[in-house]
C-alpha cells in the first residue's frame, strides 16, 4: 500500500490518502511503452517540411559560364544543387498520411503502469480544493516552493469535468516554465514521462483509482 501526501494551496500538509496495493500491480512491456511514446511524438509532427528541387527553383536558364575555354568543369544551370540558392537533393517533402495508430488496450496499460510507478516513487501529490477567484502566479509559485516542487517539471491534473474555478489555476501556471495543467481525459504517457512530479486535484483522486482499477 502506498500513500499520497495532501497539501492545501499554501503548501501546508493536511494528511495522506492511501492507495490500495492491488491497484499498483500494473504491468507493461518496456517495448510496448516505447512504441506508444514514439507513436505519440510522431503524431504530433506536422510533416509539412518542404524543399525545392532543381526543377522547382526559380532561376535563370542560362549557363553559369561557357562550356569550353575556361578550364572549369562544365555546368548546365544555376539551379544545380552545388550552387548557392540551387535545388536540394532528396530534401523533405510534405507527408500528411503519417498517423500512427495506437492500440487502446496498450495505451491504457502504459498509462496505468506509468501512474503506478509515480505513486510508488512518491511523486504524485494531492492538492485540496484550490479555489482561486483570479489568476495569481505568485500563489502557485509559493505553493511549489513550500511543497519542495520548485525547479521541477510539475504536471497538474484535474478531474474529467473540472469546475470553472480551475481556470484561474490553469492561467496562473502559464508563466511558470516547468508547470503544466491538464485533466484526466487528456492524460497521456508522454506527459507522465516528462513530469518529475504530479499534483493531482483532490476531487480527481477517486477517478484516478478507478482508472488504475480499469473501471474507466
Protein backbone atom coordinates (compact mmCIF):
# COMPACT_ATOMS: atom_id res chain seq x y z
CA UNK A 1 0.00 0.00 0.00
CA UNK A 2 1.23 3.48 -0.90
CA UNK A 3 0.05 6.92 0.13
CA UNK A 4 -0.28 10.35 -1.44
CA UNK A 5 0.57 13.42 0.61
CA UNK A 6 -2.18 16.06 0.60
CA UNK A 7 -1.49 19.82 0.60
CA UNK A 8 -3.53 22.98 0.60
CA UNK A 9 -2.70 25.90 -1.70
CA UNK A 10 -0.35 27.42 0.90
CA UNK A 11 1.80 24.26 0.88
CA UNK A 12 0.65 23.05 4.30
CA UNK A 13 0.47 19.26 4.68
CA UNK A 14 -3.11 18.18 5.51
CA UNK A 15 -2.63 14.43 5.67
CA UNK A 16 -2.32 11.42 3.41
CA UNK A 17 -4.56 9.33 1.17
CA UNK A 18 -3.95 5.61 0.93
CA UNK A 19 -3.81 3.74 -2.39
CA UNK A 20 -4.53 0.03 -2.31
CA UNK A 21 -1.56 -2.09 -3.29
CA UNK A 22 -3.55 -4.21 -5.77
CA UNK A 23 -4.20 -1.06 -7.85
CA UNK A 24 -0.47 -0.61 -8.32
CA UNK A 25 0.18 -4.09 -9.68
CA UNK A 26 0.18 -2.83 -13.26
CA UNK A 27 2.49 -4.49 -15.73
CA UNK A 28 3.58 -3.26 -19.13
CA UNK A 29 6.24 -4.41 -21.56
CA UNK A 30 9.05 -1.87 -21.97
CA UNK A 31 8.95 -2.21 -25.76
CA UNK A 32 5.21 -1.53 -25.74
CA UNK A 33 5.71 1.66 -23.74
CA UNK A 34 8.47 2.77 -26.10
CA UNK A 35 6.28 2.15 -29.16
CA UNK A 36 3.45 4.10 -27.50
CA UNK A 37 5.67 7.12 -26.73
CA UNK A 38 7.21 7.08 -30.22
CA UNK A 39 3.72 6.98 -31.74
CA UNK A 40 2.61 10.00 -29.67
CA UNK A 41 5.63 12.04 -30.75
CA UNK A 42 5.23 11.02 -34.39
CA UNK A 43 1.55 12.02 -34.38
CA UNK A 44 2.46 15.46 -33.02
CA UNK A 45 4.69 16.21 -36.01
CA UNK A 46 3.29 18.46 -38.71
CA UNK A 47 5.10 16.66 -41.55
CA UNK A 48 4.93 19.92 -43.52
CA UNK A 49 8.64 20.47 -44.23
CA UNK A 50 9.08 21.26 -47.93
CA UNK A 51 12.17 21.89 -50.04
CA UNK A 52 12.51 22.69 -53.74
CA UNK A 53 14.41 20.51 -56.14
CA UNK A 54 16.33 21.65 -59.21
CA UNK A 55 13.20 21.84 -61.37
CA UNK A 56 11.28 23.95 -58.82
CA UNK A 57 13.91 26.59 -58.05
CA UNK A 58 13.23 29.99 -59.63
CA UNK A 59 16.50 30.59 -61.53
CA UNK A 60 17.59 31.74 -64.97
CA UNK A 61 18.04 29.01 -67.54
CA UNK A 62 21.36 30.46 -68.69
CA UNK A 63 24.57 28.54 -68.21
CA UNK A 64 26.82 29.88 -65.42
CA UNK A 65 29.78 30.15 -67.81
CA UNK A 66 30.78 28.95 -71.28
CA UNK A 67 31.06 25.20 -71.59
CA UNK A 68 34.58 25.31 -73.06
CA UNK A 69 37.62 27.54 -72.84
CA UNK A 70 37.51 28.45 -69.16
CA UNK A 71 39.30 25.43 -67.70
CA UNK A 72 36.37 24.87 -65.36
CA UNK A 73 34.09 21.86 -65.16
CA UNK A 74 31.02 22.14 -67.37
CA UNK A 75 27.93 23.46 -65.63
CA UNK A 76 24.41 23.44 -67.01
CA UNK A 77 22.35 25.60 -64.64
CA UNK A 78 22.50 27.84 -61.58
CA UNK A 79 19.66 25.76 -60.17
CA UNK A 80 22.03 22.82 -59.66
CA UNK A 81 22.47 21.76 -56.02
CA UNK A 82 26.14 22.77 -55.84
CA UNK A 83 25.25 26.46 -56.30
CA UNK A 84 24.00 28.73 -53.55
CA UNK A 85 20.24 29.02 -53.91
CA UNK A 86 20.09 25.88 -56.02
CA UNK A 87 17.76 22.94 -55.58
CA UNK A 88 18.01 20.49 -52.70
CA UNK A 89 18.82 16.85 -53.42
CA UNK A 90 16.50 14.35 -51.70
CA UNK A 91 15.10 17.08 -49.41
CA UNK A 92 11.98 16.60 -47.26
CA UNK A 93 8.53 16.84 -48.81
CA UNK A 94 5.14 17.17 -47.06
CA UNK A 95 3.69 13.93 -45.73
CA UNK A 96 0.15 14.16 -44.44
CA UNK A 97 -0.66 10.45 -44.09
CA UNK A 98 1.84 9.56 -41.37
CA UNK A 99 -0.60 8.94 -38.48
CA UNK A 100 0.47 6.04 -36.27
CA UNK A 101 -2.40 4.06 -34.79
CA UNK A 102 -2.23 3.43 -31.03
CA UNK A 103 -3.96 0.36 -29.64
CA UNK A 104 -6.42 1.38 -26.90
CA UNK A 105 -5.58 -1.52 -24.58
CA UNK A 106 -1.86 -0.88 -24.93
CA UNK A 107 -2.39 2.84 -24.31
CA UNK A 108 -4.36 2.17 -21.12
CA UNK A 109 -1.81 -0.38 -19.90
CA UNK A 110 1.07 2.05 -20.49
CA UNK A 111 -0.68 4.99 -18.79
CA UNK A 112 -1.69 2.86 -15.78
CA UNK A 113 1.83 1.49 -15.43
CA UNK A 114 3.41 4.96 -15.53
CA UNK A 115 0.89 6.30 -13.00
CA UNK A 116 1.53 3.33 -10.69
CA UNK A 117 5.29 3.93 -10.89
CA UNK A 118 4.85 7.60 -9.98
CA UNK A 119 2.75 6.62 -6.96
CA UNK A 120 5.29 4.02 -5.81
CA UNK A 121 8.08 6.60 -6.09
CA UNK A 122 6.09 9.16 -4.07
CA UNK A 123 5.91 11.60 -6.95
CA UNK A 124 2.14 12.16 -7.00
CA UNK A 125 0.70 14.68 -4.54
CA UNK A 126 -2.85 15.84 -3.77
CA UNK A 127 -3.98 19.46 -3.77
CA UNK A 128 -7.08 20.14 -1.68
CA UNK A 129 -9.77 22.44 -3.11
CA UNK A 130 -7.57 25.01 -4.93
CA UNK A 131 -10.25 27.70 -5.34
CA UNK A 132 -8.81 30.83 -6.95
CA UNK A 133 -11.06 33.74 -7.86
CA UNK A 134 -8.45 35.27 -10.16
CA UNK A 135 -5.14 34.12 -11.67
CA UNK A 136 -2.24 34.63 -9.24
CA UNK A 137 1.08 33.20 -10.39
CA UNK A 138 2.78 34.13 -7.10
CA UNK A 139 0.32 31.96 -5.14
CA UNK A 140 1.20 28.88 -7.21
CA UNK A 141 4.95 29.66 -7.08
CA UNK A 142 4.76 29.90 -3.28
CA UNK A 143 2.90 26.58 -3.16
CA UNK A 144 5.56 24.87 -5.28
CA UNK A 145 8.31 26.24 -3.04
CA UNK A 146 6.52 25.16 0.14
CA UNK A 147 5.98 21.66 -1.27
CA UNK A 148 9.63 21.48 -2.46
CA UNK A 149 8.48 21.14 -6.06
CA UNK A 150 10.06 24.30 -7.46
CA UNK A 151 12.67 23.89 -10.20
CA UNK A 152 10.97 20.60 -11.15
CA UNK A 153 8.72 19.69 -14.06
CA UNK A 154 5.29 19.54 -12.44
CA UNK A 155 2.11 18.32 -14.09
CA UNK A 156 -1.18 19.48 -12.54
CA UNK A 157 -4.03 17.07 -13.24
CA UNK A 158 -7.72 17.84 -12.69
CA UNK A 159 -10.78 15.60 -12.86
CA UNK A 160 -12.56 14.79 -16.13
CA UNK A 161 -15.15 17.57 -15.83
CA UNK A 162 -13.45 20.17 -13.69
CA UNK A 163 -15.19 23.28 -12.25
CA UNK A 164 -14.73 26.78 -13.59
CA UNK A 165 -12.51 27.98 -10.73
CA UNK A 166 -9.73 25.73 -12.06
CA UNK A 167 -9.43 28.12 -15.00
CA UNK A 168 -7.71 30.66 -12.74
CA UNK A 169 -5.29 27.97 -11.58
CA UNK A 170 -4.52 26.98 -15.17
CA UNK A 171 -3.88 30.61 -16.13
CA UNK A 172 -1.62 31.05 -13.10
CA UNK A 173 0.61 28.27 -14.42
CA UNK A 174 1.22 29.91 -17.80
CA UNK A 175 4.16 31.97 -16.58
CA UNK A 176 5.80 29.03 -14.80
CA UNK A 177 8.07 27.37 -17.40
CA UNK A 178 8.12 23.83 -15.96
CA UNK A 179 4.46 23.58 -14.92
CA UNK A 180 1.51 22.40 -16.99
CA UNK A 181 -2.22 21.87 -16.38
CA UNK A 182 -4.33 19.10 -17.97
CA UNK A 183 -7.28 16.92 -16.97
CA UNK A 184 -7.56 13.15 -16.69
CA UNK A 185 -9.37 12.98 -20.01
CA UNK A 186 -6.29 14.30 -21.86
CA UNK A 187 -3.65 12.41 -19.90
CA UNK A 188 -1.04 10.56 -21.93
CA UNK A 189 2.14 8.64 -21.32
CA UNK A 190 4.43 11.26 -22.84
CA UNK A 191 3.29 13.94 -20.37
CA UNK A 192 3.66 11.47 -17.49
CA UNK A 193 7.21 10.55 -18.51
CA UNK A 194 8.27 14.19 -18.91
CA UNK A 195 6.91 15.23 -15.50
CA UNK A 196 9.15 14.92 -12.43
CA UNK A 197 6.16 15.26 -10.10
CA UNK A 198 2.37 15.25 -10.47
CA UNK A 199 -0.04 17.39 -8.46
CA UNK A 200 -3.49 15.82 -8.53
CA UNK A 201 -6.59 17.78 -7.59
CA UNK A 202 -8.20 16.07 -4.59
CA UNK A 203 -11.60 15.52 -6.31
CA UNK A 204 -9.76 13.61 -9.06
CA UNK A 205 -8.30 11.07 -6.63
CA UNK A 206 -11.32 8.76 -6.83
CA UNK A 207 -11.28 8.96 -10.63
CA UNK A 208 -7.57 8.11 -10.62
CA UNK A 209 -8.17 4.98 -8.54
CA UNK A 210 -10.97 3.97 -10.90
CA UNK A 211 -8.59 4.46 -13.81
CA UNK A 212 -5.96 2.25 -12.18
CA UNK A 213 -8.63 -0.33 -11.42
CA UNK A 214 -9.66 -0.45 -15.09
CA UNK A 215 -13.23 0.72 -14.49
CA UNK A 216 -12.88 3.96 -16.50
